[in-house]
Amino acid sequence: MPLTFETGPVRVRVPATSANLGPGFDALGLALGLHDDVAAEIAAGPGVRVSVAGEGAGELPGDDRHLVARAMRATFDALGGQPTGLALECVNRIPQARGLGSSSAAIVAGVLLARALVVDGPQRLDDAAVLRLAAEIEGHPDNVAPCLLGGFTVAWTEPTGARAVSLAVADGVFPTVFVPDERGLTAVARAALPAAVPHADAALTAGRAALLVHALTAAPELLLPATVDRLHQDYRAEGMPGAAALVTALRAAGVAAVVSGAGPTVLALTEPPEGFTPGMDWRSWRLPVEVHGARVERGRLGHAERDPVAAGRKS
């Protein structure tokens, strides 16, 4: 059946995310209260026009090469048709290529916007299918799951595609991110991983990942031992020595600190001691857990959404 498109604009707010959380490699993720806002509408003319404000402005493409646009095109294909043209407005607050899920946020935004621009989009592509498609575009579900669902998520992949559950985070979890000026690439971080790890390291990490689920949802006092990892962080340390040193310093001070995603951002799940300073090369932001995940509404971006520092960190 041919698609019928909405005539007005839609907008979506998508949160930053932190994946892995130490031992939960490619499985665990956390949504954070730092957001990108994106609006889209069907355009009369052909092609895709994208405006970008905030993070990535002047760097990201302004046409159909933009990741939000690419995700929208893939979603329209899944829905059964393509509009002639699209107009997008992106206001980005999630740092690019820092391990805070900027690419997953763009993909989730694109999938949800495309679905919302089709009159019967939710009937053609339900929420479970949205997760599967977003994970397929991204390549793994650990960031797209918390971006979509909010809270603390456990994600896995079955033969039919990605699945995930969202769990409530216990009081006493206080995320702080330490963001460096330098950027990192997921592909480079993955290339540093060995093809196999010692069985003892795999067993230890599996046990700590199980403990981490309990610590994040019921026993934050166990977060320090629960965030021990031997699957990926040590192997990636040489490529991000600053992040590795900061994680070591925070953990020595009793803080449950890990590399956020593929880095180089560092995530602390408990409060750093008073007076702790990461150094001049790091910006630190205290962020709440985002419990709602991505949210779609009708209409264009409002004044607050158009402000790159509103509803998120302060520059």
Protein backbone atom coordinates (compact mmCIF):
# COMPACT_ATOMS: atom_id res chain seq x y z
CA MET A 1 0.00 0.00 0.00
CA PRO A 2 1.45 3.44 -0.93
CA LEU A 3 2.56 5.69 1.90
CA THR A 4 0.56 8.75 2.96
CA PHE A 5 2.80 11.42 4.46
CA GLU A 6 1.99 13.90 7.19
CA THR A 7 1.75 17.48 5.95
CA GLY A 8 3.23 19.15 9.02
CA PRO A 9 6.57 18.90 10.83
CA VAL A 10 7.48 16.50 13.63
CA ARG A 11 10.25 16.78 16.19
CA VAL A 12 12.13 14.35 18.40
CA ARG A 13 14.34 14.69 21.48
CA VAL A 14 16.96 11.96 21.84
CA PRO A 15 19.28 11.44 24.83
CA ALA A 16 22.98 10.80 25.08
CA THR A 17 23.93 7.30 26.15
CA SER A 18 26.85 5.47 27.71
CA ALA A 19 27.40 1.86 26.66
CA ASN A 20 29.32 -1.05 28.19
CA LEU A 21 29.47 0.50 31.68
CA GLY A 22 32.63 -1.49 32.31
CA PRO A 23 31.94 -5.23 32.12
CA GLY A 24 28.70 -5.08 30.09
CA PHE A 25 30.44 -5.01 26.71
CA ASP A 26 27.98 -4.56 23.81
CA ALA A 27 25.06 -5.31 26.15
CA LEU A 28 24.54 -2.72 28.90
CA GLY A 29 23.72 0.95 28.42
CA LEU A 30 22.50 4.01 30.29
CA ALA A 31 20.52 7.00 29.01
CA LEU A 32 21.79 10.37 30.19
CA GLY A 33 20.08 13.76 30.51
CA LEU A 34 21.83 15.47 27.61
CA HIS A 35 19.80 15.77 24.43
CA ASP A 36 19.81 16.45 20.72
CA ASP A 37 16.65 17.95 19.21
CA VAL A 38 15.73 17.26 15.59
CA ALA A 39 12.75 18.41 13.52
CA ALA A 40 11.77 17.13 10.09
CA GLU A 41 9.08 17.66 7.48
CA ILE A 42 8.33 16.54 3.97
CA ALA A 43 9.67 19.07 1.45
CA ALA A 44 8.07 19.90 -1.88
CA GLY A 45 11.35 19.93 -3.77
CA PRO A 46 13.68 16.97 -4.29
CA GLY A 47 16.65 16.12 -2.10
CA VAL A 48 17.46 16.62 1.56
CA ARG A 49 18.32 19.88 3.30
CA VAL A 50 19.86 19.72 6.79
CA SER A 51 20.72 22.60 9.11
CA VAL A 52 22.93 21.90 12.14
CA ALA A 53 23.45 24.05 15.23
CA GLY A 54 25.60 23.23 18.26
CA GLU A 55 27.91 20.20 18.29
CA GLY A 56 29.09 19.36 14.78
CA ALA A 57 27.93 22.64 13.21
CA GLY A 58 30.09 23.41 10.19
CA GLU A 59 31.43 19.84 10.14
CA LEU A 60 28.46 17.56 9.53
CA PRO A 61 27.01 17.29 6.00
CA GLY A 62 23.94 19.34 5.15
CA ASP A 63 22.46 16.89 2.64
CA ASP A 64 21.43 13.26 2.35
CA ARG A 65 24.82 12.13 3.67
CA HIS A 66 23.84 13.31 7.16
CA LEU A 67 23.29 10.32 9.45
CA VAL A 68 19.78 11.40 10.47
CA ALA A 69 18.81 11.65 6.81
CA ARG A 70 20.38 8.28 6.02
CA ALA A 71 18.46 6.67 8.88
CA MET A 72 15.26 8.30 7.66
CA ARG A 73 15.77 6.98 4.14
CA ALA A 74 16.39 3.47 5.47
CA THR A 75 13.23 3.69 7.55
CA PHE A 76 11.11 4.93 4.64
CA ASP A 77 12.37 1.92 2.68
CA ALA A 78 11.25 -0.34 5.52
CA LEU A 79 7.89 1.42 5.60
CA GLY A 80 7.36 0.94 1.88
CA GLY A 81 8.17 4.17 0.04
CA GLN A 82 10.14 7.41 -0.15
CA PRO A 83 9.10 11.07 -0.07
CA THR A 84 10.53 13.32 -2.74
CA GLY A 85 12.30 15.67 -0.38
CA LEU A 86 13.06 16.29 3.30
CA ALA A 87 13.95 19.30 5.42
CA LEU A 88 15.77 18.71 8.72
CA GLU A 89 16.79 20.99 11.58
CA CYS A 90 19.27 19.55 14.09
CA VAL A 91 20.28 21.16 17.38
CA ASN A 92 23.06 19.01 18.83
CA ARG A 93 24.29 18.99 22.41
CA ILE A 94 25.79 15.49 22.51
CA PRO A 95 29.54 15.71 21.77
CA GLN A 96 30.52 14.01 18.55
CA ALA A 97 32.79 10.94 18.57
CA ARG A 98 33.35 10.99 22.34
CA GLY A 99 31.65 7.76 23.46
CA LEU A 100 28.31 9.33 24.38
CA GLY A 101 26.18 7.81 21.65
CA SER A 102 25.96 10.71 19.20
CA SER A 103 25.62 8.36 16.21
CA SER A 104 22.98 6.25 17.95
CA ALA A 105 21.05 9.41 18.83
CA ALA A 106 21.12 10.46 15.17
CA ILE A 107 19.96 7.01 14.02
CA VAL A 108 17.15 6.80 16.57
CA ALA A 109 16.07 10.33 15.66
CA GLY A 110 15.96 9.43 11.98
CA VAL A 111 14.00 6.22 12.47
CA LEU A 112 11.43 7.84 14.75
CA LEU A 113 11.03 10.94 12.58
CA ALA A 114 10.47 8.89 9.43
CA ARG A 115 7.88 6.72 11.19
CA ALA A 116 6.11 9.80 12.55
CA LEU A 117 5.96 11.39 9.09
CA VAL A 118 3.95 8.45 7.74
CA VAL A 119 0.26 8.55 8.64
CA ASP A 120 0.10 4.89 9.66
CA GLY A 121 3.79 4.62 10.52
CA PRO A 122 3.37 3.01 13.97
CA GLN A 123 1.17 0.30 12.46
CA ARG A 124 3.72 -0.46 9.75
CA LEU A 125 6.73 -0.31 12.13
CA ASP A 126 6.05 -1.03 15.79
CA ASP A 127 8.39 -0.22 18.67
CA ALA A 128 10.10 -3.61 18.57
CA ALA A 129 10.78 -3.16 14.86
CA VAL A 130 12.14 0.35 15.52
CA LEU A 131 14.73 -1.13 17.88
CA ARG A 132 15.66 -3.85 15.39
CA LEU A 133 16.06 -1.36 12.54
CA ALA A 134 18.06 1.16 14.61
CA ALA A 135 20.39 -1.60 15.83
CA GLU A 136 20.81 -2.89 12.29
CA ILE A 137 21.82 0.56 11.05
CA GLU A 138 24.17 1.12 14.00
CA GLY A 139 25.60 -2.39 13.98
CA HIS A 140 24.91 -3.20 17.63
CA PRO A 141 22.10 -2.39 20.11
CA ASP A 142 23.94 -1.25 23.25
CA ASN A 143 23.52 2.51 22.57
CA VAL A 144 20.29 2.58 20.57
CA ALA A 145 18.45 0.63 23.29
CA PRO A 146 18.87 3.21 26.09
CA CYS A 147 18.36 6.03 23.59
CA LEU A 148 14.96 4.58 22.66
CA LEU A 149 13.84 3.16 26.00
CA GLY A 150 15.54 5.35 28.60
CA GLY A 151 16.97 4.26 31.93
CA PHE A 152 19.37 1.36 32.27
CA THR A 153 19.05 -1.18 29.48
CA VAL A 154 20.14 -4.73 28.81
CA ALA A 155 20.26 -5.48 25.07
CA TRP A 156 20.92 -8.65 23.13
CA THR A 157 20.57 -9.93 19.58
CA GLU A 158 18.56 -12.94 18.45
CA PRO A 159 18.31 -14.40 14.92
CA THR A 160 15.32 -12.11 14.35
CA GLY A 161 17.22 -9.01 15.48
CA ALA A 162 17.90 -6.86 18.53
CA ARG A 163 15.88 -6.94 21.73
CA ALA A 164 16.19 -4.99 24.96
CA VAL A 165 14.67 -4.36 28.37
CA SER A 166 14.80 -1.17 30.42
CA LEU A 167 15.29 -1.25 34.18
CA ALA A 168 14.82 1.50 36.75
CA VAL A 169 18.04 2.88 38.25
CA ALA A 170 18.37 2.94 42.03
CA ASP A 171 18.67 6.13 44.02
CA GLY A 172 22.32 6.79 44.77
CA VAL A 173 23.53 6.52 41.17
CA PHE A 174 25.01 9.90 40.22
CA PRO A 175 26.47 9.90 36.69
CA THR A 176 29.26 12.35 35.93
CA VAL A 177 30.92 12.45 32.52
CA PHE A 178 34.45 13.68 31.91
CA VAL A 179 34.72 14.75 28.28
CA PRO A 180 38.08 15.47 26.62
CA ASP A 181 38.68 17.70 23.61
CA GLU A 182 40.11 14.78 21.66
CA ARG A 183 37.81 12.51 19.70
CA GLY A 184 37.71 8.77 19.28
CA LEU A 185 36.40 6.39 16.65
CA THR A 186 34.49 3.23 17.50
CA ALA A 187 36.12 1.36 14.61
CA VAL A 188 39.59 2.19 15.92
CA ALA A 189 38.65 1.16 19.47
CA ARG A 190 37.23 -2.14 18.24
CA ALA A 191 40.34 -2.82 16.18
CA ALA A 192 42.38 -2.79 19.40
CA LEU A 193 40.47 -5.77 20.79
CA PRO A 194 41.98 -9.27 20.54
CA ALA A 195 40.18 -12.12 18.81
CA ALA A 196 40.15 -14.10 22.08
CA VAL A 197 40.63 -13.42 25.80
CA PRO A 198 41.68 -15.75 28.63
CA HIS A 199 38.83 -17.83 30.02
CA ALA A 200 39.51 -16.50 33.52
CA ASP A 201 39.09 -12.90 32.31
CA ALA A 202 35.84 -13.76 30.53
CA ALA A 203 34.48 -15.53 33.62
CA LEU A 204 35.42 -12.66 35.92
CA THR A 205 33.84 -10.09 33.62
CA ALA A 206 30.64 -12.11 33.22
CA GLY A 207 30.27 -12.25 36.99
CA ARG A 208 30.85 -8.52 37.36
CA ALA A 209 28.33 -7.74 34.59
CA ALA A 210 25.71 -9.76 36.49
CA LEU A 211 26.62 -7.92 39.69
CA LEU A 212 26.38 -4.58 37.86
CA VAL A 213 22.72 -5.19 37.03
CA HIS A 214 22.04 -5.65 40.75
CA ALA A 215 24.23 -2.69 41.75
CA LEU A 216 22.61 -0.24 39.33
CA THR A 217 19.07 -1.25 40.18
CA ALA A 218 19.24 -2.04 43.89
CA ALA A 219 22.68 -1.71 45.53
CA PRO A 220 24.76 1.29 44.38
CA GLU A 221 27.25 0.61 47.18
CA LEU A 222 28.47 -2.32 45.05
CA LEU A 223 29.16 -0.24 41.94
CA LEU A 224 32.92 -0.12 42.42
CA PRO A 225 33.47 -3.91 42.36
CA ALA A 226 30.65 -4.31 39.84
CA THR A 227 32.40 -2.15 37.23
CA VAL A 228 35.59 -4.22 37.02
CA ASP A 229 36.23 -5.23 33.40
CA ARG A 230 38.85 -7.36 31.66
CA LEU A 231 37.27 -7.68 28.22
CA HIS A 232 37.98 -4.35 26.54
CA GLN A 233 39.23 -1.39 28.58
CA ASP A 234 42.79 -2.59 29.18
CA TYR A 235 43.22 -3.46 25.50
CA ARG A 236 42.07 0.00 24.46
CA ALA A 237 44.16 1.88 27.05
CA GLU A 238 47.15 2.45 24.78
CA GLY A 239 44.97 4.29 22.28
CA MET A 240 43.45 6.57 24.92
CA PRO A 241 46.05 7.00 27.67
CA GLY A 242 44.34 10.05 29.15
CA ALA A 243 41.07 8.20 29.66
CA ALA A 244 42.87 5.16 31.08
CA ALA A 245 44.78 7.33 33.55
CA LEU A 246 41.63 9.17 34.64
CA VAL A 247 39.72 5.90 35.18
CA THR A 248 42.63 4.61 37.28
CA ALA A 249 42.76 7.81 39.36
CA LEU A 250 39.02 7.85 39.98
CA ARG A 251 38.88 4.18 40.93
CA ALA A 252 41.82 4.66 43.29
CA ALA A 253 39.69 7.34 44.96
CA GLY A 254 36.82 4.87 45.36
CA VAL A 255 34.76 6.08 42.39
CA ALA A 256 33.04 3.58 40.08
CA ALA A 257 34.57 4.95 36.88
CA VAL A 258 34.67 3.36 33.42
CA VAL A 259 35.36 4.34 29.84
CA SER A 260 32.09 5.50 28.28
CA GLY A 261 31.37 3.38 25.21
CA ALA A 262 34.39 3.36 22.92
CA GLY A 263 35.75 6.46 24.68
CA PRO A 264 37.50 8.70 25.21
CA THR A 265 34.86 10.09 27.60
CA VAL A 266 35.03 8.70 31.14
CA LEU A 267 31.83 7.93 33.07
CA ALA A 268 31.68 7.96 36.87
CA LEU A 269 28.61 6.26 38.33
CA THR A 270 29.29 7.47 41.87
CA GLU A 271 30.24 10.95 42.98
CA PRO A 272 33.92 11.94 42.76
CA PRO A 273 35.40 13.08 46.09
CA GLU A 274 35.11 16.76 46.91
CA GLY A 275 37.92 18.71 45.31
CA PHE A 276 38.75 16.07 42.71
CA THR A 277 39.91 17.71 39.48
CA PRO A 278 40.48 15.72 36.28
CA GLY A 279 42.81 18.34 34.81
CA MET A 280 42.47 21.14 32.28
CA ASP A 281 41.97 18.78 29.31
CA TRP A 282 38.62 17.55 30.63
CA ARG A 283 35.16 19.09 30.92
CA SER A 284 33.02 17.46 33.60
CA TRP A 285 29.22 17.47 33.67
CA ARG A 286 26.90 15.98 36.25
CA LEU A 287 24.00 14.45 34.30
CA PRO A 288 20.81 12.78 35.52
CA VAL A 289 19.67 9.42 34.23
CA GLU A 290 17.17 10.00 31.42
CA VAL A 291 14.25 7.76 32.31
CA HIS A 292 11.97 8.48 29.33
CA GLY A 293 14.18 7.85 26.32
CA ALA A 294 13.42 9.36 22.93
CA ARG A 295 10.26 11.47 22.69
CA VAL A 296 8.38 12.45 19.52
CA GLU A 297 5.97 15.37 19.21
CA ARG A 298 4.21 17.26 16.45
CA GLY A 299 5.39 20.68 15.34
CA ARG A 300 8.63 22.52 14.80
CA LEU A 301 11.35 23.05 17.36
CA GLY A 302 10.49 25.64 19.98
CA HIS A 303 12.73 28.34 21.37
CA ALA A 304 14.31 26.08 24.01
CA GLU A 305 15.03 23.30 21.55
CA ARG A 306 16.75 25.72 19.17
CA ASP A 307 19.20 26.80 21.88
CA PRO A 308 22.29 24.51 21.78
CA VAL A 309 22.84 24.93 25.54
CA ALA A 310 19.21 24.62 26.66
CA ALA A 311 17.89 21.39 28.16
CA GLY A 312 21.38 20.03 28.47
CA ARG A 313 24.84 20.99 29.56
CA LYS A 314 25.96 24.58 30.00
CA SER A 315 28.96 25.74 28.00
